[in-house]
């Protein structure tokens, strides 16, 4: 979250949410590249063991997606209903 929140704030303010979403889905390495491009500092502790951080990033993302599928937030429920109609 120490990396995602500053990036989310920047992406929201600048209309770059699509870029953030794509990087987030690609993994930690892509987020680091995007953070560097945007001038956002990556916390040092995330760079100490990048392989471990990448693994934990993917596990957290998979858990979040599974939780959203099990209990979709309202905007996803509306989207599912619209695609059925």
Protein backbone atom coordinates (compact mmCIF):
# COMPACT_ATOMS: atom_id res chain seq x y z
CA UNK A 1 0.00 0.00 0.00
CA UNK A 2 2.93 2.33 0.54
CA UNK A 3 3.50 2.25 -3.20
CA UNK A 4 -0.05 1.73 -4.48
CA UNK A 5 -1.67 4.65 -2.68
CA UNK A 6 0.67 7.38 -4.00
CA UNK A 7 0.38 5.85 -7.45
CA UNK A 8 -3.41 5.65 -7.20
CA UNK A 9 -3.59 9.30 -6.12
CA UNK A 10 -1.38 10.41 -9.02
CA UNK A 11 -3.27 8.27 -11.56
CA UNK A 12 -6.63 9.56 -10.34
CA UNK A 13 -5.54 13.21 -10.47
CA UNK A 14 -3.98 12.85 -13.93
CA UNK A 15 -6.53 10.54 -15.55
CA UNK A 16 -4.07 7.65 -15.84
CA UNK A 17 -6.03 4.89 -14.14
CA UNK A 18 -5.83 2.63 -17.21
CA UNK A 19 -2.03 2.72 -17.07
CA UNK A 20 -2.07 1.98 -13.34
CA UNK A 21 -4.50 -0.92 -13.81
CA UNK A 22 -2.36 -2.45 -16.55
CA UNK A 23 0.83 -2.15 -14.50
CA UNK A 24 -0.85 -3.53 -11.39
CA UNK A 25 -2.11 -6.56 -13.32
CA UNK A 26 1.36 -7.11 -14.80
CA UNK A 27 3.04 -7.26 -11.41
CA UNK A 28 5.39 -5.48 -9.08
CA UNK A 29 8.12 -4.94 -11.69
CA UNK A 30 5.72 -3.08 -13.97
CA UNK A 31 4.57 -0.95 -11.03
CA UNK A 32 8.19 0.00 -10.26
CA UNK A 33 8.76 1.02 -13.88
CA UNK A 34 5.57 3.11 -13.89
CA UNK A 35 6.40 4.70 -10.52
CA UNK A 36 9.81 5.70 -11.87
CA UNK A 37 8.19 7.14 -15.01
CA UNK A 38 5.77 9.16 -12.86
CA UNK A 39 8.48 10.28 -10.41
CA UNK A 40 7.04 8.37 -7.45
CA UNK A 41 9.54 6.95 -4.97
CA UNK A 42 9.40 3.21 -4.39
CA UNK A 43 9.91 2.37 -0.69
CA UNK A 44 13.36 0.85 -0.17
CA UNK A 45 12.01 -2.17 1.74
CA UNK A 46 10.10 -3.24 -1.37
CA UNK A 47 13.29 -3.25 -3.42
CA UNK A 48 15.39 -5.28 -0.97
CA UNK A 49 14.02 -8.64 -2.13
CA UNK A 50 12.19 -8.02 -5.40
CA UNK A 51 11.51 -11.70 -6.05
CA UNK A 52 9.73 -12.07 -2.71
CA UNK A 53 7.88 -8.79 -3.22
CA UNK A 54 6.71 -9.91 -6.67
CA UNK A 55 5.47 -13.21 -5.24
CA UNK A 56 3.61 -11.48 -2.38
CA UNK A 57 2.19 -8.92 -4.86
CA UNK A 58 0.70 -11.68 -6.99
CA UNK A 59 -0.70 -13.56 -3.96
CA UNK A 60 -2.37 -10.39 -2.66
CA UNK A 61 -3.82 -9.61 -6.10
CA UNK A 62 -5.20 -13.13 -6.48
CA UNK A 63 -6.81 -12.95 -3.04
CA UNK A 64 -8.37 -9.57 -3.82
CA UNK A 65 -9.79 -10.79 -7.14
CA UNK A 66 -11.18 -13.94 -5.49
CA UNK A 67 -12.82 -11.85 -2.76
CA UNK A 68 -14.37 -9.52 -5.35
CA UNK A 69 -15.74 -12.47 -7.33
CA UNK A 70 -17.21 -14.02 -4.17
CA UNK A 71 -18.75 -10.74 -3.03
CA UNK A 72 -18.73 -8.22 -5.89
CA UNK A 73 -18.77 -4.55 -4.96
CA UNK A 74 -21.83 -2.60 -6.21
CA UNK A 75 -20.16 -1.25 -9.35
CA UNK A 76 -19.24 -4.78 -10.45
CA UNK A 77 -22.77 -6.06 -9.76
CA UNK A 78 -24.19 -3.31 -11.99
CA UNK A 79 -21.70 -4.17 -14.72
CA UNK A 80 -22.66 -7.87 -14.54
CA UNK A 81 -26.37 -7.00 -14.75
CA UNK A 82 -25.80 -4.72 -17.74
CA UNK A 83 -23.88 -7.41 -19.64
CA UNK A 84 -26.74 -9.90 -19.11
CA UNK A 85 -29.44 -7.59 -20.50
